[in-house]
């Protein structure tokens, strides 16, 4: 079955322990809904640095990565349907990309 990377963009760190618990509960419920499709729940990422032949820049560009997950799905449409339930959509976006076999 094809694998898909969910690359999360946007969102913010919770401002209180209560907000953090609410956010974690939403993510937990979504992952539970996805069930066995979750290959790697991933997690948030720290500050990004972009490396090119011209050098290194801080900040990750115009839309830096804020986290990732990997799921199994029948096809891209099924993966997109899964992503539509992601809690980050309240304050960000999910980029869905198929992992290609080489």
PDB file of N, CA and C in Angstrom:
ATOM      1  N   UNK A   1       0.854  -1.184   0.000  1.00  0.00           N
ATOM      2  CA  UNK A   1       0.000   0.000   0.000  1.00  0.00           C
ATOM      3  C   UNK A   1       0.893   1.239   0.000  1.00  0.00           C
ATOM      4  N   UNK A   2       0.553   2.231  -0.776  1.00  0.00           N
ATOM      5  CA  UNK A   2       1.374   3.452  -0.834  1.00  0.00           C
ATOM      6  C   UNK A   2       1.433   4.176   0.512  1.00  0.00           C
ATOM      7  N   UNK A   3       2.576   4.807   0.753  1.00  0.00           N
ATOM      8  CA  UNK A   3       2.764   5.649   1.936  1.00  0.00           C
ATOM      9  C   UNK A   3       2.690   7.111   1.508  1.00  0.00           C
ATOM     10  N   UNK A   4       2.217   7.943   2.409  1.00  0.00           N
ATOM     11  CA  UNK A   4       2.114   9.374   2.172  1.00  0.00           C
ATOM     12  C   UNK A   4       2.673  10.128   3.369  1.00  0.00           C
ATOM     13  N   UNK A   5       3.420  11.180   3.076  1.00  0.00           N
ATOM     14  CA  UNK A   5       3.915  12.078   4.115  1.00  0.00           C
ATOM     15  C   UNK A   5       2.903  13.205   4.267  1.00  0.00           C
ATOM     16  N   UNK A   6       2.515  13.465   5.494  1.00  0.00           N
ATOM     17  CA  UNK A   6       1.729  14.653   5.812  1.00  0.00           C
ATOM     18  C   UNK A   6       2.727  15.659   6.377  1.00  0.00           C
ATOM     19  N   UNK A   7       2.988  16.728   5.651  1.00  0.00           N
ATOM     20  CA  UNK A   7       3.884  17.789   6.105  1.00  0.00           C
ATOM     21  C   UNK A   7       3.015  18.924   6.632  1.00  0.00           C
ATOM     22  N   UNK A   8       3.164  19.234   7.904  1.00  0.00           N
ATOM     23  CA  UNK A   8       2.338  20.255   8.544  1.00  0.00           C
ATOM     24  C   UNK A   8       3.035  21.604   8.471  1.00  0.00           C
ATOM     25  N   UNK A   9       2.244  22.616   8.137  1.00  0.00           N
ATOM     26  CA  UNK A   9       2.740  23.995   8.063  1.00  0.00           C
ATOM     27  C   UNK A   9       1.823  24.869   8.906  1.00  0.00           C
ATOM     28  N   UNK A  10       2.421  25.755   9.678  1.00  0.00           N
ATOM     29  CA  UNK A  10       1.631  26.678  10.485  1.00  0.00           C
ATOM     30  C   UNK A  10       1.378  26.133  11.874  1.00  0.00           C
ATOM     31  N   UNK A  11       0.364  26.670  12.509  1.00  0.00           N
ATOM     32  CA  UNK A  11       0.077  26.321  13.886  1.00  0.00           C
ATOM     33  C   UNK A  11       0.979  27.111  14.819  1.00  0.00           C
ATOM     34  N   UNK A  12       0.820  26.862  16.112  1.00  0.00           N
ATOM     35  CA  UNK A  12       1.634  27.560  17.104  1.00  0.00           C
ATOM     36  C   UNK A  12       1.706  26.708  18.355  1.00  0.00           C
ATOM     37  N   UNK A  13       2.668  27.003  19.176  1.00  0.00           N
ATOM     38  CA  UNK A  13       2.808  26.292  20.445  1.00  0.00           C
ATOM     39  C   UNK A  13       1.677  26.726  21.378  1.00  0.00           C
ATOM     40  N   UNK A  14       1.113  25.799  22.142  1.00  0.00           N
ATOM     41  CA  UNK A  14       0.059  26.160  23.096  1.00  0.00           C
ATOM     42  C   UNK A  14       0.572  27.183  24.106  1.00  0.00           C
ATOM     43  N   UNK A  15      -0.321  28.085  24.509  1.00  0.00           N
ATOM     44  CA  UNK A  15       0.071  29.153  25.428  1.00  0.00           C
ATOM     45  C   UNK A  15      -0.124  28.790  26.899  1.00  0.00           C
ATOM     46  N   UNK A  16      -0.791  27.668  27.174  1.00  0.00           N
ATOM     47  CA  UNK A  16      -0.998  27.247  28.560  1.00  0.00           C
ATOM     48  C   UNK A  16      -1.044  25.720  28.607  1.00  0.00           C
ATOM     49  N   UNK A  17      -0.856  25.157  29.787  1.00  0.00           N
ATOM     50  CA  UNK A  17      -0.968  23.702  29.912  1.00  0.00           C
ATOM     51  C   UNK A  17      -2.364  23.192  29.513  1.00  0.00           C
ATOM     52  N   UNK A  18      -3.381  23.979  29.828  1.00  0.00           N
ATOM     53  CA  UNK A  18      -4.747  23.581  29.474  1.00  0.00           C
ATOM     54  C   UNK A  18      -4.940  23.552  27.960  1.00  0.00           C
ATOM     55  N   UNK A  19      -4.422  24.569  27.279  1.00  0.00           N
ATOM     56  CA  UNK A  19      -4.500  24.609  25.823  1.00  0.00           C
ATOM     57  C   UNK A  19      -3.690  23.455  25.231  1.00  0.00           C
ATOM     58  N   UNK A  20      -2.530  23.162  25.814  1.00  0.00           N
ATOM     59  CA  UNK A  20      -1.708  22.048  25.358  1.00  0.00           C
ATOM     60  C   UNK A  20      -2.439  20.723  25.481  1.00  0.00           C
ATOM     61  N   UNK A  21      -3.134  20.519  26.590  1.00  0.00           N
ATOM     62  CA  UNK A  21      -3.891  19.282  26.789  1.00  0.00           C
ATOM     63  C   UNK A  21      -5.018  19.165  25.764  1.00  0.00           C
ATOM     64  N   UNK A  22      -5.669  20.281  25.467  1.00  0.00           N
ATOM     65  CA  UNK A  22      -6.753  20.281  24.473  1.00  0.00           C
ATOM     66  C   UNK A  22      -6.203  19.941  23.088  1.00  0.00           C
ATOM     67  N   UNK A  23      -5.069  20.529  22.721  1.00  0.00           N
ATOM     68  CA  UNK A  23      -4.447  20.273  21.420  1.00  0.00           C
ATOM     69  C   UNK A  23      -4.034  18.808  21.321  1.00  0.00           C
ATOM     70  N   UNK A  24      -3.385  18.291  22.366  1.00  0.00           N
ATOM     71  CA  UNK A  24      -2.942  16.898  22.348  1.00  0.00           C
ATOM     72  C   UNK A  24      -4.127  15.937  22.263  1.00  0.00           C
ATOM     73  N   UNK A  25      -5.224  16.264  22.918  1.00  0.00           N
ATOM     74  CA  UNK A  25      -6.423  15.424  22.847  1.00  0.00           C
ATOM     75  C   UNK A  25      -6.974  15.393  21.424  1.00  0.00           C
ATOM     76  N   UNK A  26      -6.966  16.551  20.746  1.00  0.00           N
ATOM     77  CA  UNK A  26      -7.465  16.612  19.367  1.00  0.00           C
ATOM     78  C   UNK A  26      -6.589  15.763  18.444  1.00  0.00           C
ATOM     79  N   UNK A  27      -5.274  15.872  18.597  1.00  0.00           N
ATOM     80  CA  UNK A  27      -4.360  15.065  17.777  1.00  0.00           C
ATOM     81  C   UNK A  27      -4.533  13.589  18.094  1.00  0.00           C
ATOM     82  N   UNK A  28      -4.657  13.241  19.363  1.00  0.00           N
ATOM     83  CA  UNK A  28      -4.851  11.841  19.757  1.00  0.00           C
ATOM     84  C   UNK A  28      -6.121  11.256  19.171  1.00  0.00           C
ATOM     85  N   UNK A  29      -7.193  12.037  19.191  1.00  0.00           N
ATOM     86  CA  UNK A  29      -8.462  11.573  18.625  1.00  0.00           C
ATOM     87  C   UNK A  29      -8.339  11.362  17.114  1.00  0.00           C
ATOM     88  N   UNK A  30      -7.640  12.276  16.443  1.00  0.00           N
ATOM     89  CA  UNK A  30      -7.471  12.139  14.988  1.00  0.00           C
ATOM     90  C   UNK A  30      -6.631  10.909  14.661  1.00  0.00           C
ATOM     91  N   UNK A  31      -5.517  10.715  15.370  1.00  0.00           N
ATOM     92  CA  UNK A  31      -4.683   9.533  15.129  1.00  0.00           C
ATOM     93  C   UNK A  31      -5.459   8.248  15.420  1.00  0.00           C
ATOM     94  N   UNK A  32      -6.298   8.268  16.447  1.00  0.00           N
ATOM     95  CA  UNK A  32      -7.130   7.099  16.756  1.00  0.00           C
ATOM     96  C   UNK A  32      -8.089   6.817  15.604  1.00  0.00           C
ATOM     97  N   UNK A  33      -8.647   7.874  15.035  1.00  0.00           N
ATOM     98  CA  UNK A  33      -9.549   7.744  13.884  1.00  0.00           C
ATOM     99  C   UNK A  33      -8.817   7.129  12.684  1.00  0.00           C
ATOM    100  N   UNK A  34      -7.555   7.521  12.480  1.00  0.00           N
ATOM    101  CA  UNK A  34      -6.774   6.993  11.365  1.00  0.00           C
ATOM    102  C   UNK A  34      -6.367   5.542  11.598  1.00  0.00           C
ATOM    103  N   UNK A  35      -6.258   5.130  12.852  1.00  0.00           N
ATOM    104  CA  UNK A  35      -5.985   3.743  13.206  1.00  0.00           C
ATOM    105  C   UNK A  35      -4.694   3.204  12.619  1.00  0.00           C
ATOM    106  N   UNK A  36      -4.788   2.008  12.020  1.00  0.00           N
ATOM    107  CA  UNK A  36      -3.616   1.311  11.488  1.00  0.00           C
ATOM    108  C   UNK A  36      -3.000   1.998  10.278  1.00  0.00           C
ATOM    109  N   UNK A  37      -3.654   3.002   9.732  1.00  0.00           N
ATOM    110  CA  UNK A  37      -3.081   3.721   8.585  1.00  0.00           C
ATOM    111  C   UNK A  37      -1.832   4.502   8.995  1.00  0.00           C
ATOM    112  N   UNK A  38      -1.710   4.819  10.279  1.00  0.00           N
ATOM    113  CA  UNK A  38      -0.563   5.596  10.750  1.00  0.00           C
ATOM    114  C   UNK A  38       0.681   4.705  10.783  1.00  0.00           C
ATOM    115  N   UNK A  39       1.660   5.031   9.955  1.00  0.00           N
ATOM    116  CA  UNK A  39       2.941   4.320   9.911  1.00  0.00           C
ATOM    117  C   UNK A  39       3.894   4.931  10.925  1.00  0.00           C
ATOM    118  N   UNK A  40       3.936   6.257  10.960  1.00  0.00           N
ATOM    119  CA  UNK A  40       4.802   7.011  11.870  1.00  0.00           C
ATOM    120  C   UNK A  40       4.037   8.267  12.252  1.00  0.00           C
ATOM    121  N   UNK A  41       3.667   8.365  13.519  1.00  0.00           N
ATOM    122  CA  UNK A  41       2.928   9.544  13.975  1.00  0.00           C
ATOM    123  C   UNK A  41       3.728  10.822  13.857  1.00  0.00           C
ATOM    124  N   UNK A  42       5.042  10.692  13.701  1.00  0.00           N
ATOM    125  CA  UNK A  42       5.888  11.871  13.513  1.00  0.00           C
ATOM    126  C   UNK A  42       5.883  12.745  14.733  1.00  0.00           C
ATOM    127  N   UNK A  43       5.855  14.046  14.502  1.00  0.00           N
ATOM    128  CA  UNK A  43       5.857  14.993  15.598  1.00  0.00           C
ATOM    129  C   UNK A  43       6.185  16.383  15.109  1.00  0.00           C
ATOM    130  N   UNK A  44       6.197  17.329  16.029  1.00  0.00           N
ATOM    131  CA  UNK A  44       6.564  18.693  15.663  1.00  0.00           C
ATOM    132  C   UNK A  44       8.063  18.760  15.383  1.00  0.00           C
ATOM    133  N   UNK A  45       8.465  19.778  14.667  1.00  0.00           N
ATOM    134  CA  UNK A  45       9.882  19.984  14.374  1.00  0.00           C
ATOM    135  C   UNK A  45      10.320  21.337  14.919  1.00  0.00           C
ATOM    136  N   UNK A  46      11.612  21.465  15.125  1.00  0.00           N
ATOM    137  CA  UNK A  46      12.196  22.712  15.615  1.00  0.00           C
ATOM    138  C   UNK A  46      12.472  23.671  14.471  1.00  0.00           C
ATOM    139  N   UNK A  47      13.279  24.656  14.777  1.00  0.00           N
ATOM    140  CA  UNK A  47      13.624  25.682  13.792  1.00  0.00           C
ATOM    141  C   UNK A  47      14.242  25.053  12.548  1.00  0.00           C
ATOM    142  N   UNK A  48      13.822  25.529  11.392  1.00  0.00           N
ATOM    143  CA  UNK A  48      14.319  25.014  10.118  1.00  0.00           C
ATOM    144  C   UNK A  48      15.488  25.835   9.594  1.00  0.00           C
ATOM    145  N   UNK A  49      16.388  25.151   8.898  1.00  0.00           N
ATOM    146  CA  UNK A  49      17.487  25.791   8.178  1.00  0.00           C
ATOM    147  C   UNK A  49      17.448  25.230   6.767  1.00  0.00           C
ATOM    148  N   UNK A  50      17.518  26.079   5.789  1.00  0.00           N
ATOM    149  CA  UNK A  50      17.483  25.669   4.396  1.00  0.00           C
ATOM    150  C   UNK A  50      18.898  25.678   3.837  1.00  0.00           C
ATOM    151  N   UNK A  51      19.301  24.534   3.275  1.00  0.00           N
ATOM    152  CA  UNK A  51      20.640  24.376   2.727  1.00  0.00           C
ATOM    153  C   UNK A  51      20.546  24.321   1.206  1.00  0.00           C
ATOM    154  N   UNK A  52      21.253  25.211   0.520  1.00  0.00           N
ATOM    155  CA  UNK A  52      21.339  25.214  -0.938  1.00  0.00           C
ATOM    156  C   UNK A  52      22.807  25.282  -1.335  1.00  0.00           C
ATOM    157  N   UNK A  53      23.060  25.180  -2.628  1.00  0.00           N
ATOM    158  CA  UNK A  53      24.433  25.303  -3.113  1.00  0.00           C
ATOM    159  C   UNK A  53      24.996  26.685  -2.797  1.00  0.00           C
ATOM    160  N   UNK A  54      24.110  27.679  -2.658  1.00  0.00           N
ATOM    161  CA  UNK A  54      24.544  29.046  -2.387  1.00  0.00           C
ATOM    162  C   UNK A  54      24.807  29.312  -0.901  1.00  0.00           C
ATOM    163  N   UNK A  55      24.373  28.407  -0.032  1.00  0.00           N
ATOM    164  CA  UNK A  55      24.595  28.621   1.391  1.00  0.00           C
ATOM    165  C   UNK A  55      23.455  28.111   2.247  1.00  0.00           C
ATOM    166  N   UNK A  56      23.386  28.631   3.453  1.00  0.00           N
ATOM    167  CA  UNK A  56      22.395  28.199   4.436  1.00  0.00           C
ATOM    168  C   UNK A  56      21.620  29.417   4.925  1.00  0.00           C
ATOM    169  N   UNK A  57      20.286  29.260   5.020  1.00  0.00           N
ATOM    170  CA  UNK A  57      19.467  30.342   5.574  1.00  0.00           C
ATOM    171  C   UNK A  57      18.602  29.782   6.694  1.00  0.00           C
ATOM    172  N   UNK A  58      18.332  30.608   7.683  1.00  0.00           N
ATOM    173  CA  UNK A  58      17.503  30.221   8.815  1.00  0.00           C
ATOM    174  C   UNK A  58      16.040  30.494   8.512  1.00  0.00           C
ATOM    175  N   UNK A  59      15.167  29.789   9.229  1.00  0.00           N
ATOM    176  CA  UNK A  59      13.747  30.097   9.184  1.00  0.00           C
ATOM    177  C   UNK A  59      12.904  29.219   8.287  1.00  0.00           C
ATOM    178  N   UNK A  60      13.466  28.442   7.414  1.00  0.00           N
ATOM    179  CA  UNK A  60      12.671  27.518   6.616  1.00  0.00           C
ATOM    180  C   UNK A  60      11.910  28.121   5.453  1.00  0.00           C
ATOM    181  N   UNK A  61      12.166  29.340   5.098  1.00  0.00           N
ATOM    182  CA  UNK A  61      11.504  29.938   3.944  1.00  0.00           C
ATOM    183  C   UNK A  61      10.141  30.524   4.262  1.00  0.00           C
ATOM    184  N   UNK A  62       9.330  30.694   3.216  1.00  0.00           N
ATOM    185  CA  UNK A  62       8.045  31.379   3.344  1.00  0.00           C
ATOM    186  C   UNK A  62       7.010  30.576   4.126  1.00  0.00           C
ATOM    187  N   UNK A  63       7.097  29.254   4.102  1.00  0.00           N
ATOM    188  CA  UNK A  63       6.099  28.412   4.761  1.00  0.00           C
ATOM    189  C   UNK A  63       6.808  27.241   5.448  1.00  0.00           C
ATOM    190  N   UNK A  64       7.494  27.503   6.557  1.00  0.00           N
ATOM    191  CA  UNK A  64       8.335  26.466   7.166  1.00  0.00           C
ATOM    192  C   UNK A  64       7.534  25.271   7.677  1.00  0.00           C
ATOM    193  N   UNK A  65       8.176  24.141   7.663  1.00  0.00           N
ATOM    194  CA  UNK A  65       7.605  22.908   8.183  1.00  0.00           C
ATOM    195  C   UNK A  65       7.442  23.030   9.693  1.00  0.00           C
ATOM    196  N   UNK A  66       6.281  22.576  10.212  1.00  0.00           N
ATOM    197  CA  UNK A  66       6.091  22.593  11.659  1.00  0.00           C
ATOM    198  C   UNK A  66       5.958  21.185  12.233  1.00  0.00           C
ATOM    199  N   UNK A  67       5.827  20.169  11.353  1.00  0.00           N
ATOM    200  CA  UNK A  67       5.747  18.790  11.817  1.00  0.00           C
ATOM    201  C   UNK A  67       5.459  17.859  10.659  1.00  0.00           C
ATOM    202  N   UNK A  68       5.366  16.566  10.962  1.00  0.00           N
ATOM    203  CA  UNK A  68       5.110  15.578   9.905  1.00  0.00           C
ATOM    204  C   UNK A  68       4.492  14.315  10.496  1.00  0.00           C
ATOM    205  N   UNK A  69       3.879  13.506   9.636  1.00  0.00           N
ATOM    206  CA  UNK A  69       3.437  12.150   9.941  1.00  0.00           C
ATOM    207  C   UNK A  69       3.545  11.358   8.644  1.00  0.00           C
ATOM    208  N   UNK A  70       3.514  10.026   8.750  1.00  0.00           N
ATOM    209  CA  UNK A  70       3.503   9.154   7.580  1.00  0.00           C
ATOM    210  C   UNK A  70       2.342   8.187   7.742  1.00  0.00           C
ATOM    211  N   UNK A  71       1.534   8.052   6.681  1.00  0.00           N
ATOM    212  CA  UNK A  71       0.371   7.167   6.709  1.00  0.00           C
ATOM    213  C   UNK A  71       0.358   6.259   5.480  1.00  0.00           C
ATOM    214  N   UNK A  72      -0.361   5.153   5.591  1.00  0.00           N
ATOM    215  CA  UNK A  72      -0.679   4.317   4.443  1.00  0.00           C
ATOM    216  C   UNK A  72      -2.048   4.722   3.928  1.00  0.00           C
ATOM    217  N   UNK A  73      -2.205   4.762   2.614  1.00  0.00           N
ATOM    218  CA  UNK A  73      -3.505   5.047   2.009  1.00  0.00           C
ATOM    219  C   UNK A  73      -3.569   4.367   0.642  1.00  0.00           C
ATOM    220  N   UNK A  74      -4.758   4.036   0.204  1.00  0.00           N
ATOM    221  CA  UNK A  74      -4.950   3.381  -1.092  1.00  0.00           C
ATOM    222  C   UNK A  74      -4.431   4.232  -2.245  1.00  0.00           C
ATOM    223  N   UNK A  75      -4.632   5.555  -2.133  1.00  0.00           N
ATOM    224  CA  UNK A  75      -4.233   6.471  -3.204  1.00  0.00           C
ATOM    225  C   UNK A  75      -4.196   7.891  -2.636  1.00  0.00           C
ATOM    226  N   UNK A  76      -3.804   8.830  -3.485  1.00  0.00           N
ATOM    227  CA  UNK A  76      -3.680  10.229  -3.048  1.00  0.00           C
ATOM    228  C   UNK A  76      -5.013  10.793  -2.566  1.00  0.00           C
ATOM    229  N   UNK A  77      -6.091  10.436  -3.232  1.00  0.00           N
ATOM    230  CA  UNK A  77      -7.401  10.953  -2.827  1.00  0.00           C
ATOM    231  C   UNK A  77      -7.756  10.482  -1.417  1.00  0.00           C
ATOM    232  N   UNK A  78      -7.452   9.216  -1.103  1.00  0.00           N
ATOM    233  CA  UNK A  78      -7.723   8.690   0.234  1.00  0.00           C
ATOM    234  C   UNK A  78      -6.847   9.384   1.275  1.00  0.00           C
ATOM    235  N   UNK A  79      -5.592   9.645   0.923  1.00  0.00           N
ATOM    236  CA  UNK A  79      -4.702  10.350   1.846  1.00  0.00           C
ATOM    237  C   UNK A  79      -5.201  11.769   2.104  1.00  0.00           C
ATOM    238  N   UNK A  80      -5.641  12.445   1.059  1.00  0.00           N
ATOM    239  CA  UNK A  80      -6.180  13.803   1.212  1.00  0.00           C
ATOM    240  C   UNK A  80      -7.423  13.779   2.104  1.00  0.00           C
ATOM    241  N   UNK A  81      -8.273  12.781   1.921  1.00  0.00           N
ATOM    242  CA  UNK A  81      -9.472  12.669   2.763  1.00  0.00           C
ATOM    243  C   UNK A  81      -9.085  12.512   4.230  1.00  0.00           C
ATOM    244  N   UNK A  82      -8.028  11.727   4.506  1.00  0.00           N
ATOM    245  CA  UNK A  82      -7.543  11.582   5.882  1.00  0.00           C
ATOM    246  C   UNK A  82      -7.049  12.922   6.420  1.00  0.00           C
ATOM    247  N   UNK A  83      -6.290  13.648   5.605  1.00  0.00           N
ATOM    248  CA  UNK A  83      -5.704  14.922   6.028  1.00  0.00           C
ATOM    249  C   UNK A  83      -6.759  15.964   6.351  1.00  0.00           C
ATOM    250  N   UNK A  84      -7.923  15.853   5.747  1.00  0.00           N
ATOM    251  CA  UNK A  84      -8.992  16.836   5.987  1.00  0.00           C
ATOM    252  C   UNK A  84      -9.476  16.844   7.430  1.00  0.00           C
ATOM    253  N   UNK A  85      -9.155  15.793   8.200  1.00  0.00           N
ATOM    254  CA  UNK A  85      -9.538  15.753   9.606  1.00  0.00           C
ATOM    255  C   UNK A  85      -8.462  16.236  10.549  1.00  0.00           C
ATOM    256  N   UNK A  86      -7.325  16.679  10.029  1.00  0.00           N
ATOM    257  CA  UNK A  86      -6.181  17.050  10.850  1.00  0.00           C
ATOM    258  C   UNK A  86      -6.458  18.295  11.697  1.00  0.00           C
ATOM    259  N   UNK A  87      -6.135  18.242  12.983  1.00  0.00           N
ATOM    260  CA  UNK A  87      -6.354  19.394  13.864  1.00  0.00           C
ATOM    261  C   UNK A  87      -5.585  20.654  13.474  1.00  0.00           C
ATOM    262  N   UNK A  88      -4.488  20.526  12.734  1.00  0.00           N
ATOM    263  CA  UNK A  88      -3.715  21.726  12.385  1.00  0.00           C
ATOM    264  C   UNK A  88      -4.490  22.638  11.437  1.00  0.00           C
ATOM    265  N   UNK A  89      -5.526  22.117  10.810  1.00  0.00           N
ATOM    266  CA  UNK A  89      -6.276  22.928   9.848  1.00  0.00           C
ATOM    267  C   UNK A  89      -6.952  24.134  10.496  1.00  0.00           C
ATOM    268  N   UNK A  90      -7.047  24.136  11.830  1.00  0.00           N
ATOM    269  CA  UNK A  90      -7.579  25.309  12.537  1.00  0.00           C
ATOM    270  C   UNK A  90      -6.637  26.501  12.425  1.00  0.00           C
ATOM    271  N   UNK A  91      -5.321  26.232  12.188  1.00  0.00           N
ATOM    272  CA  UNK A  91      -4.353  27.333  12.167  1.00  0.00           C
ATOM    273  C   UNK A  91      -3.229  27.117  11.165  1.00  0.00           C
ATOM    274  N   UNK A  92      -3.410  26.169  10.250  1.00  0.00           N
ATOM    275  CA  UNK A  92      -2.333  25.876   9.305  1.00  0.00           C
ATOM    276  C   UNK A  92      -2.807  25.003   8.170  1.00  0.00           C
ATOM    277  N   UNK A  93      -1.883  24.228   7.598  1.00  0.00           N
ATOM    278  CA  UNK A  93      -2.217  23.398   6.441  1.00  0.00           C
ATOM    279  C   UNK A  93      -1.458  22.079   6.497  1.00  0.00           C
ATOM    280  N   UNK A  94      -1.901  21.139   5.662  1.00  0.00           N
ATOM    281  CA  UNK A  94      -1.242  19.839   5.525  1.00  0.00           C
ATOM    282  C   UNK A  94      -0.873  19.659   4.057  1.00  0.00           C
ATOM    283  N   UNK A  95       0.378  19.436   3.799  1.00  0.00           N
ATOM    284  CA  UNK A  95       0.851  19.097   2.462  1.00  0.00           C
ATOM    285  C   UNK A  95       0.908  17.582   2.397  1.00  0.00           C
ATOM    286  N   UNK A  96       0.261  16.970   1.397  1.00  0.00           N
ATOM    287  CA  UNK A  96       0.183  15.520   1.266  1.00  0.00           C
ATOM    288  C   UNK A  96       1.045  15.110   0.069  1.00  0.00           C
ATOM    289  N   UNK A  97       2.056  14.248   0.316  1.00  0.00           N
ATOM    290  CA  UNK A  97       2.959  13.812  -0.749  1.00  0.00           C
ATOM    291  C   UNK A  97       3.158  12.301  -0.665  1.00  0.00           C
ATOM    292  N   UNK A  98       3.056  11.627  -1.815  1.00  0.00           N
ATOM    293  CA  UNK A  98       3.294  10.195  -1.846  1.00  0.00           C
ATOM    294  C   UNK A  98       4.790   9.892  -1.753  1.00  0.00           C
ATOM    295  N   UNK A  99       5.125   8.871  -0.978  1.00  0.00           N
ATOM    296  CA  UNK A  99       6.494   8.393  -0.896  1.00  0.00           C
ATOM    297  C   UNK A  99       6.675   7.411  -2.056  1.00  0.00           C
ATOM    298  N   UNK A 100       7.570   7.726  -2.965  1.00  0.00           N
ATOM    299  CA  UNK A 100       7.752   6.911  -4.163  1.00  0.00           C
ATOM    300  C   UNK A 100       8.750   5.791  -3.913  1.00  0.00           C
ATOM    301  N   UNK A 101       8.412   4.591  -4.381  1.00  0.00           N
ATOM    302  CA  UNK A 101       9.344   3.474  -4.313  1.00  0.00           C
ATOM    303  C   UNK A 101      10.435   3.692  -5.353  1.00  0.00           C
ATOM    304  N   UNK A 102      11.677   3.455  -4.959  1.00  0.00           N
ATOM    305  CA  UNK A 102      12.798   3.634  -5.882  1.00  0.00           C
ATOM    306  C   UNK A 102      13.444   2.289  -6.133  1.00  0.00           C
TER     307      UNK A 102
END
